[in-house]
Amino acid sequence: MTVDHAPPPSAPAAPDISVLPDPDVESLAPARGPGRGLSVPRWLRRTVGPLLLLLGWQLSSSAGVLPADVLASPGTVARAAGELIGDGTLPHAMGVSLRRVAVGLLLGGAVGIALALVSGLSRLGEDLVDAPVQMLRTVPWVGLIPLFIIWLGIGEAPKVALIALGVAFHLYLNVYAGIRGVDAQLVEAGESLGLGRWGLVRHVVLPGALPGAMTGLRYSLATAWLALVFGESINADAGIGFLMNQAREFFRTDVIVVCLVVYAFLGLLADALVRTLERLLLQWRPTFTGQ
């Protein structure tokens, strides 16, 4: 009698581990939420805030919340700006104010940087320069306007001197801090490579102090426009401040707002120029730019 032997049961196939997810490994792909893939240009996002502010201003003026004698509407301000540009009043005032800021910035920048170099590069210079500068810095420079009028008269000199004074202090503080903030190990490395005193200053100290100088320049520009507002109140017969003083006497809030917008625009333009200069001069220093 023959006995049929059944074939042994086949072993179950091994699972293909290459396609199974590993529970211990987390996906590194960023999760995409709703609308995550939409990319809005940055310049468009930056205009949302000002546009909302302008819209709220217009709605408040139209609803009577902001009366015209308190603050003119955006439409009235735009018409006033068109009139001032059309008759050449605003371009001439801008040219006069820009010339005052440029001269004051050059004079104050030269004095501030020179004092910072003397004080930052030498201990003797620090002992002689830093204490007087720190004492003068604590004096409200706007309070010096009466003395400037007595010393320099009521022409262009006191206006330029006021701007130069405010610029010089900011540049001095930031350039001095930048020089003294240079890593001592970099100086030691330069000395080990055979650099002399002026070689260290040129190749190590000044490049290391450049970020502080750029920060000081940005603060100086902001201070220059602030000093210009006070300076042009000194018996000025031209300039943006002169237009504001005239508008104040006639309760022209629209012209005052136009002058304020011009101040803001010129300040933003100057800041953009400094930012561009920073990108050109500080390419060697990678920084965090946000996420």
Foldseek 3Di string as FASTA:
>chain_A
DDDDDDDDDDDDDDDDVVPDDDPVDDDPDDDADVPNPDDDDPVVVVCPVVVVVLVVQQVCDVVVVQDCLRANRPVLLVVVVVVCVVVVQVVQQAVVLVVLLVLLLVLLLVLLLVLLCQLQLDVVSVVVRVVVLVVVVPPPLLVCLVVCCVVPNLDSVSLSPSLSVLLSSLQNVLLNCQQVPFDVVQVVVCVVVPQDSVSCVVPGRVLSSVVSNLVSNLSSLVSNLVSNLSSCVRPHPGHLNNQLVVCVVVSNNSSNVNSVVVSVVVSVVVNVVSVVVCCVSVVVDDDDDDD
